[in-house]
N, C-alpha and C. Protein backbone atom coordinates (compact mmCIF):
# COMPACT_ATOMS: atom_id res chain seq x y z
N MET A 1 94.40 102.76 92.03
CA MET A 1 93.55 101.90 92.85
C MET A 1 93.21 102.60 94.16
N LYS A 2 91.92 102.58 94.51
CA LYS A 2 91.50 103.21 95.76
C LYS A 2 91.15 102.14 96.78
N VAL A 3 91.67 102.30 97.99
CA VAL A 3 91.38 101.38 99.07
C VAL A 3 90.86 102.19 100.25
N ASN A 4 90.31 101.50 101.23
CA ASN A 4 89.78 102.17 102.41
C ASN A 4 90.91 102.68 103.28
N LEU A 5 90.94 103.99 103.49
CA LEU A 5 91.99 104.61 104.31
C LEU A 5 91.45 105.07 105.67
N GLU A 6 90.28 104.54 106.04
CA GLU A 6 89.62 105.01 107.25
C GLU A 6 90.46 104.78 108.50
N ASN A 7 91.17 103.67 108.57
CA ASN A 7 91.94 103.34 109.77
C ASN A 7 93.42 103.74 109.65
N LEU A 8 93.72 104.59 108.67
CA LEU A 8 95.09 105.05 108.46
C LEU A 8 95.33 106.36 109.19
N HIS A 9 96.39 106.42 109.99
CA HIS A 9 96.82 107.66 110.62
C HIS A 9 98.07 108.14 109.88
N VAL A 10 98.07 109.39 109.45
CA VAL A 10 99.20 109.94 108.69
C VAL A 10 100.00 110.88 109.59
N VAL A 11 101.29 110.59 109.71
CA VAL A 11 102.20 111.38 110.55
C VAL A 11 103.08 112.24 109.65
N ILE A 12 103.12 113.55 109.95
CA ILE A 12 103.91 114.49 109.14
C ILE A 12 104.85 115.28 110.06
N PRO A 13 106.14 114.96 110.07
CA PRO A 13 107.08 115.80 110.82
C PRO A 13 107.31 117.10 110.07
N ALA A 14 107.33 118.21 110.78
CA ALA A 14 107.41 119.51 110.09
C ALA A 14 108.27 120.49 110.87
N LYS A 15 109.23 121.07 110.18
CA LYS A 15 110.02 122.17 110.75
C LYS A 15 110.03 123.31 109.73
N ASN A 16 109.47 124.44 110.12
CA ASN A 16 109.43 125.63 109.26
C ASN A 16 108.82 125.32 107.89
N GLU A 17 107.64 124.69 107.90
CA GLU A 17 106.96 124.31 106.66
C GLU A 17 105.68 125.10 106.44
N GLY A 18 105.58 126.27 107.07
CA GLY A 18 104.37 127.07 106.97
C GLY A 18 103.98 127.42 105.54
N GLN A 19 104.95 127.59 104.66
CA GLN A 19 104.67 127.96 103.27
C GLN A 19 104.39 126.77 102.38
N ARG A 20 104.61 125.55 102.87
CA ARG A 20 104.49 124.38 102.01
C ARG A 20 103.46 123.34 102.47
N ILE A 21 103.12 123.33 103.74
CA ILE A 21 102.34 122.22 104.27
C ILE A 21 100.85 122.29 103.95
N LYS A 22 100.33 123.47 103.67
CA LYS A 22 98.88 123.62 103.43
C LYS A 22 98.37 122.71 102.32
N PRO A 23 98.98 122.70 101.12
CA PRO A 23 98.47 121.81 100.06
C PRO A 23 98.55 120.32 100.43
N VAL A 24 99.52 119.97 101.26
CA VAL A 24 99.63 118.57 101.71
C VAL A 24 98.40 118.19 102.51
N LEU A 25 98.02 119.05 103.44
CA LEU A 25 96.86 118.78 104.29
C LEU A 25 95.56 118.79 103.48
N VAL A 26 95.47 119.71 102.53
CA VAL A 26 94.28 119.77 101.68
C VAL A 26 94.13 118.47 100.90
N LYS A 27 95.20 117.99 100.31
CA LYS A 27 95.15 116.74 99.51
C LYS A 27 94.79 115.54 100.38
N LEU A 28 95.34 115.48 101.58
CA LEU A 28 95.04 114.36 102.48
C LEU A 28 93.56 114.37 102.87
N GLN A 29 93.03 115.55 103.17
CA GLN A 29 91.63 115.61 103.55
C GLN A 29 90.71 115.34 102.37
N MET A 30 91.13 115.69 101.17
CA MET A 30 90.35 115.36 99.98
C MET A 30 90.30 113.86 99.75
N LEU A 31 91.29 113.14 100.25
CA LEU A 31 91.29 111.67 100.15
C LEU A 31 90.38 111.04 101.20
N GLY A 32 89.88 111.87 102.10
CA GLY A 32 89.01 111.36 103.14
C GLY A 32 89.74 110.86 104.37
N ILE A 33 91.02 111.16 104.46
CA ILE A 33 91.80 110.73 105.62
C ILE A 33 91.43 111.61 106.82
N GLN A 34 90.98 110.98 107.87
CA GLN A 34 90.45 111.70 109.03
C GLN A 34 91.44 111.81 110.17
N ASN A 35 92.53 111.07 110.08
CA ASN A 35 93.50 111.05 111.18
C ASN A 35 94.86 111.56 110.68
N ILE A 36 95.07 112.85 110.83
CA ILE A 36 96.31 113.49 110.38
C ILE A 36 97.01 114.08 111.61
N ILE A 37 98.28 113.74 111.76
CA ILE A 37 99.06 114.19 112.91
C ILE A 37 100.28 114.94 112.41
N VAL A 38 100.37 116.21 112.71
CA VAL A 38 101.54 117.02 112.34
C VAL A 38 102.37 117.27 113.59
N VAL A 39 103.64 116.91 113.52
CA VAL A 39 104.55 117.17 114.64
C VAL A 39 105.37 118.40 114.30
N ASN A 40 105.04 119.50 114.94
CA ASN A 40 105.72 120.77 114.73
C ASN A 40 107.02 120.75 115.52
N ASP A 41 108.12 120.54 114.80
CA ASP A 41 109.41 120.27 115.45
C ASP A 41 110.20 121.54 115.70
N GLY A 42 109.71 122.35 116.64
CA GLY A 42 110.42 123.56 117.02
C GLY A 42 110.49 124.61 115.93
N SER A 43 109.45 124.73 115.13
CA SER A 43 109.45 125.70 114.02
C SER A 43 109.50 127.13 114.54
N SER A 44 110.17 127.98 113.77
CA SER A 44 110.24 129.41 114.11
C SER A 44 109.35 130.24 113.19
N ASP A 45 108.64 129.57 112.26
CA ASP A 45 107.73 130.29 111.36
C ASP A 45 106.29 130.05 111.80
N ASP A 46 105.34 130.13 110.88
CA ASP A 46 103.93 130.01 111.23
C ASP A 46 103.37 128.61 110.98
N THR A 47 104.22 127.60 111.02
CA THR A 47 103.77 126.22 110.78
C THR A 47 102.59 125.85 111.69
N GLU A 48 102.74 126.11 112.99
CA GLU A 48 101.68 125.75 113.93
C GLU A 48 100.37 126.47 113.59
N LYS A 49 100.45 127.74 113.25
CA LYS A 49 99.25 128.53 112.92
C LYS A 49 98.56 127.98 111.69
N VAL A 50 99.34 127.65 110.66
CA VAL A 50 98.76 127.14 109.41
C VAL A 50 98.07 125.80 109.67
N VAL A 51 98.74 124.91 110.37
CA VAL A 51 98.18 123.59 110.63
C VAL A 51 96.95 123.68 111.52
N SER A 52 96.99 124.56 112.50
CA SER A 52 95.86 124.71 113.44
C SER A 52 94.61 125.25 112.78
N SER A 53 94.74 125.83 111.58
CA SER A 53 93.58 126.36 110.88
C SER A 53 92.75 125.24 110.24
N PHE A 54 93.28 124.02 110.22
CA PHE A 54 92.57 122.88 109.64
C PHE A 54 91.81 122.14 110.74
N GLU A 55 90.58 121.79 110.45
CA GLU A 55 89.80 120.99 111.39
C GLU A 55 90.26 119.53 111.33
N ASN A 56 90.17 118.86 112.45
CA ASN A 56 90.48 117.43 112.55
C ASN A 56 91.93 117.10 112.21
N VAL A 57 92.82 118.03 112.42
CA VAL A 57 94.26 117.77 112.29
C VAL A 57 94.90 118.01 113.65
N VAL A 58 95.59 117.00 114.16
CA VAL A 58 96.23 117.10 115.47
C VAL A 58 97.61 117.74 115.30
N VAL A 59 97.92 118.72 116.14
CA VAL A 59 99.24 119.34 116.14
C VAL A 59 99.95 118.98 117.43
N LEU A 60 101.10 118.35 117.32
CA LEU A 60 101.95 118.05 118.47
C LEU A 60 103.18 118.94 118.38
N ASN A 61 103.47 119.68 119.43
CA ASN A 61 104.55 120.65 119.38
C ASN A 61 105.78 120.21 120.17
N HIS A 62 106.92 120.22 119.50
CA HIS A 62 108.21 120.13 120.18
C HIS A 62 108.65 121.56 120.47
N THR A 63 108.89 121.87 121.72
CA THR A 63 109.29 123.23 122.09
C THR A 63 110.57 123.65 121.40
N ILE A 64 111.50 122.71 121.26
CA ILE A 64 112.75 122.94 120.53
C ILE A 64 112.86 121.92 119.42
N ASN A 65 113.70 122.20 118.45
CA ASN A 65 113.89 121.29 117.34
C ASN A 65 114.67 120.05 117.79
N LEU A 66 114.05 118.89 117.66
CA LEU A 66 114.68 117.63 118.07
C LEU A 66 115.17 116.80 116.88
N GLY A 67 114.73 117.14 115.68
CA GLY A 67 115.17 116.40 114.50
C GLY A 67 114.05 115.56 113.91
N PRO A 68 114.18 115.20 112.61
CA PRO A 68 113.10 114.46 111.92
C PRO A 68 112.83 113.09 112.51
N GLY A 69 113.87 112.42 113.03
CA GLY A 69 113.65 111.12 113.63
C GLY A 69 112.81 111.20 114.88
N ALA A 70 113.15 112.15 115.75
CA ALA A 70 112.38 112.34 116.99
C ALA A 70 110.95 112.77 116.69
N ALA A 71 110.77 113.66 115.71
CA ALA A 71 109.44 114.13 115.36
C ALA A 71 108.59 112.99 114.80
N THR A 72 109.20 112.17 113.96
CA THR A 72 108.49 111.03 113.39
C THR A 72 108.06 110.06 114.47
N LEU A 73 108.95 109.77 115.40
CA LEU A 73 108.62 108.83 116.47
C LEU A 73 107.52 109.38 117.38
N THR A 74 107.55 110.68 117.67
CA THR A 74 106.49 111.31 118.46
C THR A 74 105.13 111.08 117.81
N GLY A 75 105.07 111.30 116.50
CA GLY A 75 103.82 111.12 115.78
C GLY A 75 103.35 109.68 115.73
N ILE A 76 104.29 108.77 115.50
CA ILE A 76 103.93 107.34 115.41
C ILE A 76 103.40 106.84 116.74
N LYS A 77 104.07 107.19 117.83
CA LYS A 77 103.62 106.73 119.15
C LYS A 77 102.26 107.33 119.51
N TYR A 78 102.01 108.57 119.11
CA TYR A 78 100.70 109.17 119.33
C TYR A 78 99.63 108.40 118.55
N ALA A 79 99.95 108.06 117.30
CA ALA A 79 98.99 107.33 116.46
C ALA A 79 98.65 105.97 117.07
N VAL A 80 99.66 105.27 117.57
CA VAL A 80 99.42 103.96 118.19
C VAL A 80 98.51 104.11 119.41
N LYS A 81 98.79 105.10 120.25
CA LYS A 81 97.95 105.32 121.43
C LYS A 81 96.53 105.71 121.05
N ALA A 82 96.38 106.34 119.88
CA ALA A 82 95.06 106.75 119.40
C ALA A 82 94.29 105.61 118.75
N GLY A 83 94.93 104.43 118.68
CA GLY A 83 94.25 103.25 118.14
C GLY A 83 94.45 102.99 116.67
N ALA A 84 95.47 103.57 116.07
CA ALA A 84 95.71 103.39 114.64
C ALA A 84 95.96 101.92 114.29
N GLU A 85 95.33 101.46 113.21
CA GLU A 85 95.62 100.13 112.68
C GLU A 85 96.79 100.19 111.70
N LEU A 86 96.87 101.31 110.97
CA LEU A 86 97.96 101.55 110.04
C LEU A 86 98.50 102.95 110.26
N VAL A 87 99.81 103.11 110.11
CA VAL A 87 100.44 104.42 110.28
C VAL A 87 101.28 104.73 109.03
N ALA A 88 101.08 105.89 108.47
CA ALA A 88 101.88 106.35 107.33
C ALA A 88 102.70 107.55 107.74
N THR A 89 103.85 107.71 107.11
CA THR A 89 104.64 108.92 107.27
C THR A 89 104.75 109.61 105.92
N LEU A 90 104.79 110.93 105.96
CA LEU A 90 104.76 111.73 104.75
C LEU A 90 105.55 112.99 104.98
N ASP A 91 106.27 113.48 103.97
CA ASP A 91 107.00 114.73 104.11
C ASP A 91 106.04 115.91 104.07
N ALA A 92 106.44 117.00 104.72
CA ALA A 92 105.57 118.18 104.85
C ALA A 92 105.73 119.18 103.71
N ASP A 93 106.70 118.94 102.81
CA ASP A 93 107.04 119.97 101.82
C ASP A 93 106.34 119.79 100.47
N ASP A 94 105.35 118.91 100.40
CA ASP A 94 104.54 118.73 99.19
C ASP A 94 105.31 118.05 98.06
N GLN A 95 106.38 117.33 98.38
CA GLN A 95 107.08 116.60 97.31
C GLN A 95 106.42 115.27 97.01
N HIS A 96 105.65 114.73 97.96
CA HIS A 96 104.98 113.44 97.76
C HIS A 96 103.58 113.63 97.20
N ASN A 97 103.07 112.57 96.58
CA ASN A 97 101.70 112.54 96.09
C ASN A 97 100.86 111.69 97.04
N PRO A 98 100.01 112.30 97.86
CA PRO A 98 99.23 111.53 98.83
C PRO A 98 98.39 110.42 98.22
N ASN A 99 98.02 110.55 96.93
CA ASN A 99 97.26 109.49 96.28
C ASN A 99 98.00 108.16 96.28
N ASN A 100 99.32 108.21 96.36
CA ASN A 100 100.11 106.98 96.39
C ASN A 100 99.87 106.16 97.65
N LEU A 101 99.27 106.78 98.67
CA LEU A 101 98.98 106.04 99.90
C LEU A 101 98.04 104.87 99.63
N HIS A 102 97.14 105.02 98.65
CA HIS A 102 96.26 103.91 98.29
C HIS A 102 97.08 102.69 97.90
N ASN A 103 98.08 102.89 97.05
CA ASN A 103 98.89 101.77 96.57
C ASN A 103 99.73 101.15 97.68
N LEU A 104 100.25 101.99 98.57
CA LEU A 104 101.07 101.47 99.67
C LEU A 104 100.23 100.61 100.61
N VAL A 105 99.05 101.11 100.96
CA VAL A 105 98.17 100.35 101.85
C VAL A 105 97.70 99.06 101.18
N ASP A 106 97.36 99.15 99.91
CA ASP A 106 96.91 97.97 99.17
C ASP A 106 98.01 96.91 99.13
N HIS A 107 99.25 97.34 98.87
CA HIS A 107 100.37 96.40 98.81
C HIS A 107 100.61 95.77 100.19
N LEU A 108 100.54 96.57 101.24
CA LEU A 108 100.74 96.05 102.59
C LEU A 108 99.73 94.96 102.91
N ARG A 109 98.48 95.20 102.54
CA ARG A 109 97.43 94.22 102.84
C ARG A 109 97.52 92.98 101.96
N LYS A 110 97.69 93.17 100.66
CA LYS A 110 97.70 92.02 99.75
C LYS A 110 98.93 91.14 99.94
N GLU A 111 100.07 91.75 100.24
CA GLU A 111 101.31 90.98 100.38
C GLU A 111 101.63 90.65 101.82
N SER A 112 100.71 90.97 102.73
CA SER A 112 100.89 90.71 104.17
C SER A 112 102.22 91.28 104.69
N CYS A 113 102.52 92.50 104.27
CA CYS A 113 103.73 93.18 104.73
C CYS A 113 103.46 93.88 106.06
N ASP A 114 104.52 94.13 106.79
CA ASP A 114 104.43 94.91 108.02
C ASP A 114 104.86 96.36 107.78
N LEU A 115 105.71 96.53 106.77
CA LEU A 115 106.22 97.86 106.40
C LEU A 115 106.34 97.93 104.89
N VAL A 116 105.81 98.99 104.30
CA VAL A 116 105.95 99.22 102.87
C VAL A 116 106.55 100.60 102.66
N ILE A 117 107.63 100.65 101.90
CA ILE A 117 108.34 101.89 101.63
C ILE A 117 108.04 102.35 100.21
N GLY A 118 107.73 103.63 100.06
CA GLY A 118 107.49 104.19 98.74
C GLY A 118 108.81 104.60 98.10
N SER A 119 109.11 104.03 96.94
CA SER A 119 110.39 104.30 96.28
C SER A 119 110.24 105.31 95.15
N ARG A 120 111.05 106.34 95.22
CA ARG A 120 111.09 107.35 94.16
C ARG A 120 111.83 106.87 92.93
N PHE A 121 112.50 105.71 93.05
CA PHE A 121 113.42 105.27 92.01
C PHE A 121 112.97 104.00 91.28
N MET A 122 111.75 103.53 91.55
CA MET A 122 111.23 102.35 90.87
C MET A 122 110.34 102.72 89.68
N LYS A 123 110.23 104.03 89.41
CA LYS A 123 109.53 104.51 88.23
C LYS A 123 110.22 105.80 87.80
N TYR A 124 109.85 106.30 86.64
CA TYR A 124 110.49 107.53 86.18
C TYR A 124 109.96 108.73 86.95
N ASN A 125 110.86 109.45 87.59
CA ASN A 125 110.60 110.75 88.20
C ASN A 125 111.75 111.67 87.83
N GLU A 126 111.49 112.94 87.71
CA GLU A 126 112.56 113.90 87.44
C GLU A 126 113.29 114.18 88.75
N ILE A 127 114.42 113.51 88.93
CA ILE A 127 115.16 113.59 90.18
C ILE A 127 116.54 114.20 89.92
N PRO A 128 116.89 115.25 90.62
CA PRO A 128 118.19 115.90 90.42
C PRO A 128 119.35 114.94 90.71
N LEU A 129 120.46 115.18 90.03
CA LEU A 129 121.63 114.33 90.18
C LEU A 129 122.10 114.25 91.62
N SER A 130 122.02 115.37 92.35
CA SER A 130 122.46 115.38 93.74
C SER A 130 121.65 114.39 94.58
N ARG A 131 120.33 114.32 94.34
CA ARG A 131 119.48 113.39 95.08
C ARG A 131 119.80 111.94 94.70
N LEU A 132 120.12 111.71 93.45
CA LEU A 132 120.52 110.36 93.02
C LEU A 132 121.78 109.92 93.75
N PHE A 133 122.72 110.84 93.89
CA PHE A 133 123.98 110.53 94.57
C PHE A 133 123.74 110.24 96.05
N TYR A 134 122.98 111.11 96.72
CA TYR A 134 122.74 110.92 98.15
C TYR A 134 121.97 109.63 98.40
N ASN A 135 121.05 109.31 97.49
CA ASN A 135 120.29 108.08 97.67
C ASN A 135 121.16 106.84 97.49
N PHE A 136 122.05 106.88 96.49
CA PHE A 136 122.97 105.75 96.29
C PHE A 136 123.83 105.55 97.53
N PHE A 137 124.33 106.65 98.08
CA PHE A 137 125.14 106.61 99.30
C PHE A 137 124.32 106.05 100.46
N GLY A 138 123.08 106.55 100.61
CA GLY A 138 122.22 106.09 101.69
C GLY A 138 121.88 104.62 101.56
N ASN A 139 121.60 104.17 100.34
CA ASN A 139 121.29 102.75 100.12
C ASN A 139 122.47 101.85 100.47
N LEU A 140 123.67 102.31 100.13
CA LEU A 140 124.88 101.53 100.44
C LEU A 140 125.07 101.41 101.94
N VAL A 141 124.94 102.54 102.64
CA VAL A 141 125.07 102.52 104.10
C VAL A 141 123.97 101.66 104.72
N SER A 142 122.75 101.79 104.21
CA SER A 142 121.64 101.01 104.73
C SER A 142 121.89 99.52 104.57
N PHE A 143 122.40 99.12 103.43
CA PHE A 143 122.68 97.69 103.19
C PHE A 143 123.77 97.19 104.13
N LEU A 144 124.80 98.01 104.35
CA LEU A 144 125.89 97.61 105.25
C LEU A 144 125.39 97.46 106.69
N VAL A 145 124.45 98.32 107.07
CA VAL A 145 123.94 98.31 108.44
C VAL A 145 122.88 97.23 108.66
N THR A 146 122.03 97.02 107.66
CA THR A 146 120.86 96.15 107.85
C THR A 146 120.93 94.81 107.12
N GLY A 147 121.70 94.75 106.03
CA GLY A 147 121.70 93.55 105.20
C GLY A 147 120.51 93.47 104.28
N ILE A 148 119.67 94.51 104.28
CA ILE A 148 118.49 94.56 103.41
C ILE A 148 118.73 95.60 102.33
N TYR A 149 118.61 95.20 101.05
CA TYR A 149 118.79 96.17 99.98
C TYR A 149 117.44 96.73 99.56
N LEU A 150 117.34 98.04 99.54
CA LEU A 150 116.16 98.74 99.07
C LEU A 150 116.58 99.82 98.08
N SER A 151 115.72 100.12 97.13
CA SER A 151 116.08 101.13 96.13
C SER A 151 115.96 102.55 96.67
N ASP A 152 115.23 102.71 97.79
CA ASP A 152 115.02 104.05 98.35
C ASP A 152 114.96 103.99 99.88
N SER A 153 116.11 103.74 100.47
CA SER A 153 116.18 103.60 101.93
C SER A 153 115.89 104.90 102.66
N GLN A 154 116.00 106.03 101.95
CA GLN A 154 115.81 107.34 102.58
C GLN A 154 114.42 107.93 102.35
N SER A 155 113.52 107.13 101.82
CA SER A 155 112.18 107.64 101.51
C SER A 155 111.44 108.08 102.77
N GLY A 156 110.76 109.21 102.67
CA GLY A 156 109.96 109.70 103.79
C GLY A 156 108.53 109.18 103.75
N MET A 157 108.18 108.47 102.68
CA MET A 157 106.82 107.97 102.54
C MET A 157 106.79 106.47 102.82
N LYS A 158 106.13 106.12 103.91
CA LYS A 158 106.07 104.73 104.35
C LYS A 158 104.69 104.45 104.92
N VAL A 159 104.33 103.17 104.94
CA VAL A 159 103.14 102.72 105.67
C VAL A 159 103.53 101.49 106.47
N MET A 160 103.12 101.44 107.72
CA MET A 160 103.42 100.29 108.58
C MET A 160 102.17 99.88 109.34
N ASN A 161 102.14 98.61 109.73
CA ASN A 161 100.99 98.17 110.52
C ASN A 161 101.20 98.51 111.99
N ARG A 162 100.15 98.33 112.76
CA ARG A 162 100.18 98.71 114.17
C ARG A 162 101.23 97.91 114.95
N SER A 163 101.37 96.63 114.61
CA SER A 163 102.31 95.77 115.33
C SER A 163 103.73 96.31 115.25
N PHE A 164 104.16 96.67 114.04
CA PHE A 164 105.52 97.19 113.88
C PHE A 164 105.64 98.59 114.46
N ALA A 165 104.63 99.42 114.27
CA ALA A 165 104.66 100.79 114.80
C ALA A 165 104.80 100.77 116.32
N ASP A 166 104.14 99.82 116.96
CA ASP A 166 104.19 99.72 118.41
C ASP A 166 105.58 99.29 118.90
N LYS A 167 106.26 98.47 118.10
CA LYS A 167 107.60 97.99 118.47
C LYS A 167 108.68 99.02 118.20
N LEU A 168 108.41 99.96 117.33
CA LEU A 168 109.42 100.89 116.87
C LEU A 168 109.95 101.77 118.00
N ASN A 169 111.25 101.82 118.11
CA ASN A 169 111.89 102.65 119.13
C ASN A 169 113.17 103.23 118.54
N LEU A 170 113.11 104.48 118.10
CA LEU A 170 114.23 105.10 117.40
C LEU A 170 115.18 105.79 118.38
N SER A 171 116.47 105.56 118.18
CA SER A 171 117.47 106.21 119.03
C SER A 171 118.16 107.35 118.30
N PHE A 172 117.99 107.42 116.97
CA PHE A 172 118.59 108.50 116.18
C PHE A 172 117.55 109.56 115.87
N ASP A 173 117.92 110.82 116.10
CA ASP A 173 116.97 111.93 115.89
C ASP A 173 117.03 112.51 114.49
N GLY A 174 118.16 112.34 113.79
CA GLY A 174 118.35 112.94 112.48
C GLY A 174 117.87 112.06 111.35
N PHE A 175 118.36 112.33 110.11
CA PHE A 175 117.90 111.60 108.94
C PHE A 175 118.30 110.12 108.96
N GLU A 176 119.25 109.75 109.81
CA GLU A 176 119.65 108.35 109.90
C GLU A 176 118.53 107.47 110.45
N PHE A 177 117.45 108.10 110.94
CA PHE A 177 116.33 107.31 111.47
C PHE A 177 115.71 106.44 110.39
N CYS A 178 115.77 106.85 109.12
CA CYS A 178 115.21 106.03 108.04
C CYS A 178 115.89 104.67 107.98
N ILE A 179 117.22 104.67 108.12
CA ILE A 179 117.96 103.42 108.13
C ILE A 179 117.68 102.64 109.41
N GLU A 180 117.50 103.34 110.51
CA GLU A 180 117.20 102.66 111.77
C GLU A 180 115.86 101.93 111.71
N ILE A 181 114.88 102.50 111.01
CA ILE A 181 113.60 101.82 110.84
C ILE A 181 113.80 100.50 110.10
N ILE A 182 114.62 100.52 109.06
CA ILE A 182 114.89 99.30 108.30
C ILE A 182 115.64 98.28 109.16
N LYS A 183 116.58 98.78 109.97
CA LYS A 183 117.32 97.90 110.87
C LYS A 183 116.39 97.23 111.87
N GLN A 184 115.42 97.97 112.39
CA GLN A 184 114.49 97.38 113.34
C GLN A 184 113.55 96.39 112.65
N ALA A 185 113.28 96.63 111.38
CA ALA A 185 112.50 95.66 110.62
C ALA A 185 113.26 94.33 110.53
N GLN A 186 114.58 94.44 110.34
CA GLN A 186 115.41 93.23 110.27
C GLN A 186 115.47 92.53 111.63
N ILE A 187 115.62 93.31 112.70
CA ILE A 187 115.71 92.75 114.05
C ILE A 187 114.42 92.00 114.42
N HIS A 188 113.29 92.60 114.08
CA HIS A 188 112.00 91.99 114.43
C HIS A 188 111.52 90.99 113.40
N LYS A 189 112.34 90.79 112.33
CA LYS A 189 112.05 89.79 111.30
C LYS A 189 110.66 90.01 110.68
N ILE A 190 110.40 91.24 110.33
CA ILE A 190 109.12 91.55 109.70
C ILE A 190 109.28 91.59 108.18
N LYS A 191 108.16 91.54 107.48
CA LYS A 191 108.18 91.56 106.03
C LYS A 191 108.14 93.00 105.51
N VAL A 192 109.12 93.35 104.70
CA VAL A 192 109.25 94.70 104.15
C VAL A 192 108.96 94.68 102.66
N GLY A 193 108.12 95.59 102.21
CA GLY A 193 107.83 95.73 100.79
C GLY A 193 108.26 97.10 100.29
N GLU A 194 108.33 97.22 98.97
CA GLU A 194 108.74 98.49 98.36
C GLU A 194 108.02 98.62 97.02
N ILE A 195 107.36 99.75 96.79
CA ILE A 195 106.66 99.98 95.53
C ILE A 195 106.94 101.41 95.05
N PRO A 196 106.76 101.66 93.77
CA PRO A 196 107.05 103.01 93.23
C PRO A 196 106.06 104.07 93.68
N ILE A 197 106.56 105.29 93.86
CA ILE A 197 105.73 106.45 94.16
C ILE A 197 106.16 107.63 93.29
N ASP A 198 105.33 108.64 93.27
CA ASP A 198 105.65 109.89 92.56
C ASP A 198 106.41 110.82 93.49
N VAL A 199 107.21 111.70 92.90
CA VAL A 199 107.89 112.73 93.68
C VAL A 199 108.11 113.94 92.77
N LYS A 200 108.06 115.12 93.35
CA LYS A 200 108.37 116.33 92.58
C LYS A 200 109.31 117.19 93.41
N TYR A 201 110.30 117.74 92.76
CA TYR A 201 111.28 118.60 93.42
C TYR A 201 111.18 120.02 92.88
N THR A 202 111.35 120.96 93.78
CA THR A 202 111.43 122.37 93.41
C THR A 202 112.74 122.92 93.99
N LYS A 203 113.08 124.11 93.58
CA LYS A 203 114.28 124.76 94.13
C LYS A 203 114.16 124.89 95.64
N ASP A 204 112.95 125.14 96.09
CA ASP A 204 112.69 125.31 97.51
C ASP A 204 112.93 124.01 98.28
N THR A 205 112.36 122.91 97.79
CA THR A 205 112.50 121.64 98.50
C THR A 205 113.93 121.10 98.42
N LEU A 206 114.63 121.43 97.35
CA LEU A 206 116.02 120.96 97.22
C LEU A 206 116.95 121.65 98.21
N SER A 207 116.53 122.80 98.72
CA SER A 207 117.37 123.50 99.69
C SER A 207 117.28 122.85 101.07
N LYS A 208 116.34 121.91 101.22
CA LYS A 208 116.17 121.21 102.48
C LYS A 208 116.67 119.78 102.35
N GLY A 209 116.42 119.00 103.38
CA GLY A 209 116.75 117.58 103.31
C GLY A 209 118.23 117.31 103.42
N GLN A 210 118.64 116.20 102.81
CA GLN A 210 120.01 115.74 103.00
C GLN A 210 120.99 116.41 102.03
N ASN A 211 122.20 116.59 102.51
CA ASN A 211 123.29 117.09 101.69
C ASN A 211 124.57 116.38 102.14
N PHE A 212 125.71 116.83 101.64
CA PHE A 212 126.96 116.15 101.98
C PHE A 212 127.22 116.17 103.47
N GLN A 213 126.94 117.30 104.10
CA GLN A 213 127.20 117.43 105.54
C GLN A 213 126.31 116.49 106.36
N THR A 214 125.01 116.45 106.04
CA THR A 214 124.12 115.56 106.78
C THR A 214 124.44 114.10 106.49
N GLY A 215 124.85 113.82 105.25
CA GLY A 215 125.22 112.45 104.90
C GLY A 215 126.44 111.97 105.67
N LEU A 216 127.44 112.84 105.80
CA LEU A 216 128.63 112.49 106.56
C LEU A 216 128.28 112.30 108.04
N GLY A 217 127.43 113.18 108.54
CA GLY A 217 127.01 113.06 109.93
C GLY A 217 126.27 111.76 110.18
N MET A 218 125.43 111.37 109.23
CA MET A 218 124.70 110.11 109.34
C MET A 218 125.66 108.93 109.40
N LEU A 219 126.66 108.95 108.53
CA LEU A 219 127.65 107.87 108.50
C LEU A 219 128.40 107.76 109.82
N LEU A 220 128.81 108.89 110.38
CA LEU A 220 129.56 108.89 111.63
C LEU A 220 128.70 108.38 112.79
N LYS A 221 127.43 108.75 112.80
CA LYS A 221 126.54 108.30 113.88
C LYS A 221 126.28 106.80 113.80
N LEU A 222 126.03 106.31 112.58
CA LEU A 222 125.68 104.90 112.43
C LEU A 222 126.85 103.97 112.71
N PHE A 223 128.05 104.46 112.45
CA PHE A 223 129.23 103.60 112.65
C PHE A 223 130.12 104.08 113.79
N ASN A 224 129.52 104.80 114.74
CA ASN A 224 130.26 105.29 115.89
C ASN A 224 130.61 104.13 116.82
N PRO A 225 131.88 103.79 116.97
CA PRO A 225 132.25 102.64 117.82
C PRO A 225 132.06 102.92 119.29
N PHE A 226 131.85 104.19 119.67
CA PHE A 226 131.73 104.54 121.10
C PHE A 226 130.27 104.69 121.50
N ASP A 227 129.33 104.47 120.54
CA ASP A 227 127.92 104.62 120.85
C ASP A 227 127.40 103.35 121.54
């Protein structure tokens, strides 16, 4: 299903994604999306150069690496100031299918949702066992923290309306920001939806993202009694 994506701003946090981000930007522009924001989070490779070669793509640079949560928030706040009616987030490593944005936006509008999360686990995708384990762990932690059960609490593909994007204020810079977004949805009593999306993994993309160490760090941060 194709819907109008004219008022959609897409935020892409990126660290050292020079070899992977080009096809993501090509696919987004082929969809006719005119508002693409890449947050270059202290990359040491040619991410900035690759992104800057595209017309009508905004590059926001973090001088040092601040983490995916901080990069995502930088992009979302920029989109709100730029007048975005809808804001989407997308991973920079080409694991997502940008065509799924049509379904997310359509679901948000038809179901009057404020936030729609794309779930890798609501349809068949070839997902490595390690990712299944980390997602189960993340979903459990997310439910304990928020009281909201989702099949893919760690998904990087989301769409939110301007009202929720404007209220969003993340205090976590790392991967725990995904759970913090859900927690803020609960605090603000907004309607959250979840629909299936496509995902593809390669050896390259599996070397990034969450692992046991980041998962343990996320748990310690979220349940830190001294925070």
